[in-house]
Amino acid sequence: MESRRVPRLKLQSQRKGTSTKGDLWRNSPDQREEKVVGPQEMVPRGTCMTMCPTRELQIRESQNLLHRFEVLAGTEKDRRPRADPLRTVKEYSRPAAGKDCTKCCDLRPPAVLRKTVCYLIDEIADSPDLHPWTEVYSFVFDRLRSVKQDMIIQRVSGPDCVAILEQTVRFLIYASYRLCGEPLRLYDPRINDTHLQENLSWLLDCYKKEPGVHINQEEFLALSLLYNLGSSRAMHHILDLPPLIRDSPALSLAISINQAFLERNPVRLLRSARRLNFLQCCALHRHLVVCRRDLLLIYSHGYSSKNCRFSLDKLSQLLALDVTSTAQLCETYGVEINKDSQVVFSKTAYKEPDDGSPSCSRYHSIVAEKQGDLRVGNIVLGASFF
């Protein structure tokens, strides 16, 4: 009897277009990666040599969408004001379906982006004639987002990228202090914080990946830690640095303040804060309300006694406030001050305010006294010395 031949089935690994186990083993990882990745895509390079592309300038002028900071002098009262090519800056535009954001004629090269940032800081943010500053901030903030967008599309890196990010971070840190307490419709601290963290993270990544010496690296590492007190991520980033950088004066002071914050030692924190420069105080200022609240809470328990009196002048020194602000803060937390200007601490009298934490902007004295004659341009361009 003749046996029937059973057709041989092809295994999944032997079918057309697939590789066997041996083939995969013989292929090196590099060869496999080449098959997956394929050719590199072309990165667009900007050719626009002005702060605003000509096409956008014409569209915004025809649709009456110019900001008042961009209008040509003498045409402000016209039905359709004209754009000043030397003052008009490309605005941020959200990516949308069907919209090509990679046209070279609409992208500004790194040199023009740096020039744009300098214009925004020197001629807009630092101008004594432009008011209110909430509007100045809104304009500069939007145009800096546009600069960042052009950088991302062109994958800008190197010294130009670092310089732009440094100035952007300084501006956002300064704005977080100057506009603290403004109505939410004029200034949103959460949006400012989100963009500040993104730019700061990008900058620190540039320091890590870009070869060479970065003269401002210690400054921004310290700002990062002071702005993010108590953050394990910020601290781990610093601990991974070489000792030569980690032991610098600016970073050592920032690490000491962070340690005091983690230990809930507000006295040491506020004492160390007096050694910070102005921009570092701006980065730290959002933590000062919590720090002073902790000091009053600790002292209300530690000095809780009917016969114990504490000097109001001494307490104002510890809180880094004037006597009037100290008295107001004590009243907010239920701490008694008698007619002899002495503080009477009591753990039963201490209370948290019903309307949440007190306004941070009312207790800025430790920061304001550091500014002196520094202008916005000096601060953002890196002249905020001790």
Protein backbone atom coordinates (compact mmCIF):
# COMPACT_ATOMS: atom_id res chain seq x y z
CA MET A 1 0.00 0.00 0.00
CA GLU A 2 1.47 3.30 -1.09
CA SER A 3 1.86 5.78 1.78
CA ARG A 4 0.64 9.29 1.25
CA ARG A 5 3.14 12.08 1.66
CA VAL A 6 2.09 14.66 4.19
CA PRO A 7 2.85 18.19 2.94
CA ARG A 8 5.51 19.88 4.99
CA LEU A 9 4.20 22.84 6.94
CA LYS A 10 6.25 25.98 7.06
CA LEU A 11 7.01 27.27 10.51
CA GLN A 12 6.18 30.88 11.32
CA SER A 13 9.89 31.71 11.48
CA GLN A 14 10.47 30.23 7.99
CA ARG A 15 7.77 32.12 6.11
CA LYS A 16 8.65 34.80 3.65
CA GLY A 17 9.70 38.07 5.16
CA THR A 18 10.62 36.63 8.58
CA SER A 19 13.94 35.61 10.08
CA THR A 20 14.86 32.40 11.82
CA LYS A 21 16.43 32.30 15.23
CA GLY A 22 19.84 31.75 13.63
CA ASP A 23 19.37 34.77 11.36
CA LEU A 24 18.54 36.98 14.32
CA TRP A 25 21.59 35.69 16.19
CA ARG A 26 23.87 36.34 13.18
CA ASN A 27 22.63 39.92 12.74
CA SER A 28 24.50 42.37 14.95
CA PRO A 29 22.49 44.84 17.06
CA ASP A 30 23.71 47.68 14.88
CA GLN A 31 22.46 46.02 11.72
CA ARG A 32 19.05 45.35 13.26
CA GLU A 33 18.81 48.96 14.41
CA GLU A 34 19.54 50.25 10.92
CA LYS A 35 16.63 48.25 9.55
CA VAL A 36 14.25 49.70 12.12
CA VAL A 37 15.37 53.31 12.16
CA GLY A 38 15.97 53.87 8.49
CA PRO A 39 17.39 57.08 7.03
CA GLN A 40 17.61 60.17 9.19
CA GLU A 41 14.96 62.78 8.60
CA MET A 42 16.03 66.21 7.44
CA VAL A 43 16.10 68.89 10.12
CA PRO A 44 14.86 72.28 8.83
CA ARG A 45 17.20 75.25 9.10
CA GLY A 46 15.70 78.68 9.45
CA THR A 47 16.35 81.40 6.88
CA CYS A 48 14.26 84.21 8.43
CA MET A 49 16.70 86.97 9.40
CA THR A 50 14.15 89.19 11.17
CA MET A 51 12.40 88.77 14.51
CA CYS A 52 9.10 88.17 12.70
CA PRO A 53 8.64 86.42 9.34
CA THR A 54 7.38 88.73 6.60
CA ARG A 55 4.31 86.58 5.90
CA GLU A 56 3.18 86.62 9.53
CA LEU A 57 3.81 90.35 9.81
CA GLN A 58 1.61 91.05 6.80
CA ILE A 59 -1.18 88.73 8.01
CA ARG A 60 -1.28 90.17 11.51
CA GLU A 61 -1.16 93.72 10.15
CA SER A 62 -4.06 93.08 7.76
CA GLN A 63 -6.14 91.40 10.49
CA ASN A 64 -5.34 94.06 13.08
CA LEU A 65 -3.66 91.53 15.38
CA LEU A 66 -0.58 93.57 16.28
CA HIS A 67 0.30 94.08 19.91
CA ARG A 68 0.64 97.70 20.94
CA PHE A 69 4.34 97.11 21.58
CA GLU A 70 4.74 96.27 17.87
CA VAL A 71 2.85 99.16 16.26
CA LEU A 72 4.76 101.69 14.15
CA ALA A 73 5.01 105.02 15.93
CA GLY A 74 2.50 107.54 14.61
CA THR A 75 -0.01 104.96 13.40
CA GLU A 76 -1.42 103.92 16.80
CA LYS A 77 -4.73 105.74 16.26
CA ASP A 78 -5.22 104.61 12.66
CA ARG A 79 -8.08 102.28 11.85
CA ARG A 80 -5.51 99.66 10.95
CA PRO A 81 -2.15 100.43 12.61
CA ARG A 82 0.98 99.49 10.71
CA ALA A 83 3.63 97.09 11.98
CA ASP A 84 7.11 98.26 12.88
CA PRO A 85 9.46 95.62 11.37
CA LEU A 86 12.09 96.46 14.00
CA ARG A 87 9.69 95.84 16.91
CA THR A 88 7.39 93.08 15.66
CA VAL A 89 8.23 89.66 17.10
CA LYS A 90 6.93 86.30 15.95
CA GLU A 91 4.14 85.18 18.24
CA TYR A 92 3.61 81.67 19.57
CA SER A 93 1.31 79.53 17.45
CA ARG A 94 -0.04 76.18 18.54
CA PRO A 95 0.66 73.28 16.16
CA ALA A 96 -2.49 72.31 14.28
CA ALA A 97 -3.51 69.64 11.79
CA GLY A 98 -2.59 70.61 8.25
CA LYS A 99 -0.38 73.47 9.41
CA ASP A 100 3.24 73.36 8.33
CA CYS A 101 5.46 74.76 11.09
CA THR A 102 8.71 73.68 9.44
CA LYS A 103 8.94 76.18 6.58
CA CYS A 104 12.48 77.50 6.55
CA CYS A 105 11.30 81.01 5.67
CA ASP A 106 9.26 81.10 8.91
CA LEU A 107 12.03 79.79 11.17
CA ARG A 108 14.71 82.01 12.69
CA PRO A 109 18.28 80.68 12.91
CA PRO A 110 20.00 80.55 16.34
CA ALA A 111 21.77 83.90 15.92
CA VAL A 112 18.46 85.66 15.22
CA LEU A 113 16.82 83.87 18.13
CA ARG A 114 19.50 85.18 20.48
CA LYS A 115 19.03 88.67 19.08
CA THR A 116 15.27 88.34 19.62
CA VAL A 117 15.69 87.33 23.26
CA CYS A 118 18.04 90.24 23.90
CA TYR A 119 15.49 92.62 22.34
CA LEU A 120 12.67 91.23 24.49
CA ILE A 121 14.70 91.70 27.67
CA ASP A 122 16.45 95.00 26.96
CA GLU A 123 13.74 96.87 25.08
CA ILE A 124 10.53 95.41 26.51
CA ALA A 125 11.01 93.84 29.96
CA ASP A 126 13.55 96.44 31.09
CA SER A 127 11.77 99.45 29.63
CA PRO A 128 10.66 101.99 32.28
CA ASP A 129 8.04 103.39 29.88
CA LEU A 130 5.97 100.24 29.29
CA HIS A 131 3.19 99.60 31.80
CA PRO A 132 1.66 97.63 33.39
CA TRP A 133 4.32 94.99 33.94
CA THR A 134 1.72 92.22 33.82
CA GLU A 135 1.18 93.11 30.16
CA VAL A 136 4.93 93.31 29.59
CA TYR A 137 5.29 89.83 31.10
CA SER A 138 2.46 88.42 28.98
CA PHE A 139 4.06 89.76 25.79
CA VAL A 140 7.59 88.57 26.60
CA PHE A 141 6.33 85.20 27.86
CA ASP A 142 4.45 84.52 24.61
CA ARG A 143 7.39 85.56 22.41
CA LEU A 144 9.81 83.43 24.42
CA ARG A 145 7.52 80.45 23.81
CA SER A 146 7.82 81.17 20.09
CA VAL A 147 11.62 81.26 20.40
CA LYS A 148 11.54 77.91 22.17
CA GLN A 149 9.28 76.50 19.46
CA ASP A 150 11.75 77.51 16.73
CA MET A 151 14.58 75.95 18.74
CA ILE A 152 12.76 72.63 19.08
CA ILE A 153 11.84 72.42 15.39
CA GLN A 154 15.44 73.13 14.35
CA ARG A 155 16.92 71.01 17.16
CA VAL A 156 19.15 73.87 18.23
CA SER A 157 21.98 72.89 20.56
CA GLY A 158 25.34 74.17 21.72
CA PRO A 159 26.21 77.62 23.12
CA ASP A 160 23.27 79.36 21.44
CA CYS A 161 20.78 76.98 23.03
CA VAL A 162 22.41 77.31 26.46
CA ALA A 163 22.51 81.12 26.32
CA ILE A 164 18.83 81.40 25.33
CA LEU A 165 17.68 78.95 28.00
CA GLU A 166 19.70 80.70 30.69
CA GLN A 167 18.10 84.05 29.96
CA THR A 168 14.64 82.50 29.73
CA VAL A 169 15.00 80.77 33.10
CA ARG A 170 16.23 83.96 34.77
CA PHE A 171 13.28 85.90 33.37
CA LEU A 172 10.72 83.34 34.55
CA ILE A 173 12.25 83.14 38.04
CA TYR A 174 12.23 86.93 38.34
CA ALA A 175 8.63 87.09 37.09
CA SER A 176 7.55 84.49 39.68
CA TYR A 177 8.70 86.93 42.37
CA ARG A 178 7.63 90.23 40.83
CA LEU A 179 4.12 89.10 39.89
CA CYS A 180 3.49 87.10 43.05
CA GLY A 181 0.04 87.96 44.36
CA GLU A 182 -1.31 89.34 41.08
CA PRO A 183 -4.87 88.33 40.08
CA LEU A 184 -5.08 84.99 38.29
CA ARG A 185 -6.49 86.62 35.15
CA LEU A 186 -3.27 88.64 34.82
CA TYR A 187 -0.69 86.10 35.96
CA ASP A 188 -1.00 82.35 36.44
CA PRO A 189 1.83 81.04 38.67
CA ARG A 190 1.16 77.43 37.68
CA ILE A 191 1.65 78.14 33.97
CA ASN A 192 4.80 80.11 34.74
CA ASP A 193 6.07 77.24 36.92
CA THR A 194 5.37 74.65 34.21
CA HIS A 195 7.39 76.52 31.60
CA LEU A 196 10.13 77.36 34.08
CA GLN A 197 10.56 73.70 35.00
CA GLU A 198 10.62 72.66 31.32
CA ASN A 199 13.26 75.22 30.38
CA LEU A 200 15.32 74.50 33.49
CA SER A 201 15.24 70.75 32.82
CA TRP A 202 16.33 71.32 29.20
CA LEU A 203 19.15 73.61 30.34
CA LEU A 204 20.50 71.15 32.91
CA ASP A 205 20.35 68.42 30.28
CA CYS A 206 22.43 70.63 27.96
CA TYR A 207 25.02 71.07 30.70
CA LYS A 208 25.18 67.31 31.09
CA LYS A 209 25.41 66.42 27.39
CA GLU A 210 27.26 69.35 25.84
CA PRO A 211 31.05 69.06 26.10
CA GLY A 212 33.17 71.88 27.45
CA VAL A 213 33.01 74.25 30.39
CA HIS A 214 29.76 76.06 31.19
CA ILE A 215 30.56 79.14 33.24
CA ASN A 216 27.01 79.51 34.58
CA GLN A 217 26.40 75.85 35.43
CA GLU A 218 26.87 76.29 39.18
CA GLU A 219 24.49 79.26 39.22
CA PHE A 220 21.63 77.37 37.59
CA LEU A 221 22.17 74.19 39.57
CA ALA A 222 21.84 76.29 42.72
CA LEU A 223 18.73 78.04 41.34
CA SER A 224 17.21 74.67 40.50
CA LEU A 225 17.67 73.39 44.05
CA LEU A 226 16.47 76.61 45.70
CA TYR A 227 13.38 76.75 43.50
CA ASN A 228 12.61 73.06 44.15
CA LEU A 229 13.45 72.82 47.86
CA GLY A 230 12.89 69.33 49.19
CA SER A 231 12.93 67.75 45.73
CA SER A 232 14.83 64.47 45.74
CA ARG A 233 15.25 64.65 41.97
CA ALA A 234 16.96 68.04 42.13
CA MET A 235 19.20 66.86 44.96
CA HIS A 236 20.17 63.61 43.23
CA HIS A 237 21.11 65.60 40.12
CA ILE A 238 23.57 67.63 42.20
CA LEU A 239 24.98 64.63 44.07
CA ASP A 240 25.89 63.03 40.75
CA LEU A 241 28.14 65.98 39.85
CA PRO A 242 31.91 66.01 40.23
CA PRO A 243 33.12 67.26 43.65
CA LEU A 244 34.73 70.31 42.01
CA ILE A 245 31.29 71.59 40.97
CA ARG A 246 29.34 70.23 43.92
CA ASP A 247 31.62 71.93 46.47
CA SER A 248 31.38 75.39 44.87
CA PRO A 249 30.20 78.20 47.21
CA ALA A 250 26.84 78.70 45.44
CA LEU A 251 25.95 75.01 45.48
CA SER A 252 27.21 74.46 49.03
CA LEU A 253 24.94 77.24 50.27
CA ALA A 254 21.96 75.89 48.31
CA ILE A 255 22.56 72.38 49.67
CA SER A 256 22.74 73.78 53.22
CA ILE A 257 19.41 75.60 52.78
CA ASN A 258 17.81 72.50 51.31
CA GLN A 259 19.05 70.45 54.27
CA ALA A 260 17.56 72.97 56.71
CA PHE A 261 14.26 72.78 54.82
CA LEU A 262 14.17 68.98 55.04
CA GLU A 263 15.01 69.11 58.75
CA ARG A 264 12.31 71.76 59.34
CA ASN A 265 14.87 74.13 60.78
CA PRO A 266 13.43 77.51 59.71
CA VAL A 267 15.85 79.56 61.81
CA ARG A 268 18.90 78.16 60.04
CA LEU A 269 17.16 78.41 56.65
CA LEU A 270 16.29 82.09 57.05
CA ARG A 271 19.73 82.88 58.44
CA SER A 272 21.39 81.21 55.45
CA ALA A 273 18.99 82.94 53.04
CA ARG A 274 20.54 86.30 53.94
CA ARG A 275 23.69 85.18 52.09
CA LEU A 276 21.86 84.60 48.80
CA ASN A 277 21.94 87.06 45.91
CA PHE A 278 18.80 88.64 44.51
CA LEU A 279 17.91 86.07 41.85
CA GLN A 280 18.54 83.21 44.29
CA CYS A 281 16.14 84.90 46.73
CA CYS A 282 13.58 85.12 43.91
CA ALA A 283 13.90 81.36 43.42
CA LEU A 284 13.56 80.73 47.16
CA HIS A 285 10.80 83.21 47.95
CA ARG A 286 7.84 80.87 47.28
CA HIS A 287 9.00 78.67 50.19
CA LEU A 288 9.29 81.50 52.73
CA VAL A 289 5.62 81.47 53.79
CA VAL A 290 5.83 77.80 54.78
CA CYS A 291 9.18 78.40 56.48
CA ARG A 292 7.86 81.26 58.63
CA ARG A 293 4.72 79.35 59.45
CA ASP A 294 6.87 76.45 60.71
CA LEU A 295 8.92 78.83 62.85
CA LEU A 296 5.81 80.23 64.58
CA LEU A 297 4.41 76.71 65.07
CA ILE A 298 7.64 75.38 66.60
CA TYR A 299 8.06 78.41 68.89
CA SER A 300 4.39 78.24 69.93
CA HIS A 301 5.07 74.77 71.31
CA GLY A 302 8.62 75.33 72.55
CA TYR A 303 7.92 78.60 74.38
CA SER A 304 4.35 77.83 75.47
CA SER A 305 4.23 79.13 79.03
CA LYS A 306 2.17 81.69 80.92
CA ASN A 307 5.28 83.38 82.29
CA CYS A 308 7.40 83.19 79.13
CA ARG A 309 7.82 86.32 76.99
CA PHE A 310 9.72 86.61 73.73
CA SER A 311 11.09 89.83 72.26
CA LEU A 312 9.20 91.05 69.20
CA ASP A 313 12.38 92.60 67.81
CA LYS A 314 14.21 89.28 68.18
CA LEU A 315 11.38 87.40 66.48
CA SER A 316 11.36 89.88 63.57
CA GLN A 317 15.08 89.25 63.09
CA LEU A 318 14.53 85.49 63.06
CA LEU A 319 11.68 85.84 60.54
CA ALA A 320 13.71 88.27 58.38
CA LEU A 321 10.83 90.78 58.51
CA ASP A 322 10.29 94.24 59.89
CA VAL A 323 8.42 94.64 63.18
CA THR A 324 5.13 95.65 61.55
CA SER A 325 5.06 92.65 59.20
CA THR A 326 6.04 90.35 62.07
CA ALA A 327 3.11 91.60 64.14
CA GLN A 328 0.72 91.08 61.22
CA LEU A 329 2.01 87.54 60.69
CA CYS A 330 1.63 86.72 64.38
CA GLU A 331 -1.93 87.98 64.33
CA THR A 332 -2.68 85.79 61.29
CA TYR A 333 -1.60 82.66 63.19
CA GLY A 334 -3.16 83.61 66.53
CA VAL A 335 0.12 84.44 68.27
CA GLU A 336 -0.46 87.11 70.93
CA ILE A 337 1.59 90.28 71.24
CA ASN A 338 1.06 92.18 74.50
CA LYS A 339 1.11 95.93 75.08
CA ASP A 340 4.83 95.83 75.90
CA SER A 341 5.62 94.53 72.37
CA GLN A 342 6.41 91.09 73.70
CA VAL A 343 5.31 87.86 72.07
CA VAL A 344 3.30 85.42 74.17
CA PHE A 345 3.54 81.99 72.57
CA SER A 346 0.85 79.41 73.33
CA LYS A 347 0.33 76.05 71.66
CA THR A 348 -3.40 76.26 72.29
CA ALA A 349 -3.74 79.77 70.85
CA TYR A 350 -1.86 78.98 67.64
CA LYS A 351 -4.22 78.48 64.69
CA GLU A 352 -4.07 78.11 60.95
CA PRO A 353 -5.76 80.96 59.04
CA ASP A 354 -9.21 80.12 57.70
CA ASP A 355 -8.49 81.53 54.24
CA GLY A 356 -5.32 79.51 53.73
CA SER A 357 -1.73 80.71 53.81
CA PRO A 358 -1.15 84.47 53.95
CA SER A 359 -0.22 86.30 50.77
CA CYS A 360 3.42 85.76 49.98
CA SER A 361 3.73 89.21 48.40
CA ARG A 362 3.19 90.88 51.79
CA TYR A 363 6.42 89.41 53.16
CA HIS A 364 8.99 90.08 50.43
CA SER A 365 11.33 92.26 52.46
CA ILE A 366 14.17 89.72 52.50
CA VAL A 367 14.04 89.63 48.70
CA ALA A 368 13.34 93.30 47.99
CA GLU A 369 16.32 94.50 50.01
CA LYS A 370 18.61 92.43 47.78
CA GLN A 371 17.51 94.05 44.52
CA GLY A 372 18.97 97.48 45.15
CA ASP A 373 19.61 99.24 41.86
CA LEU A 374 19.48 96.10 39.74
CA ARG A 375 17.33 96.48 36.63
CA VAL A 376 15.49 93.68 34.86
CA GLY A 377 18.10 93.64 32.08
CA ASN A 378 20.93 93.21 34.60
CA ILE A 379 19.09 90.40 36.36
CA VAL A 380 18.16 88.40 33.27
CA LEU A 381 21.51 88.89 31.55
CA GLY A 382 23.29 87.61 34.64
CA ALA A 383 24.42 90.62 36.66
CA SER A 384 22.61 89.81 39.92
CA PHE A 385 25.64 89.73 42.16
CA PHE A 386 25.74 89.70 45.96
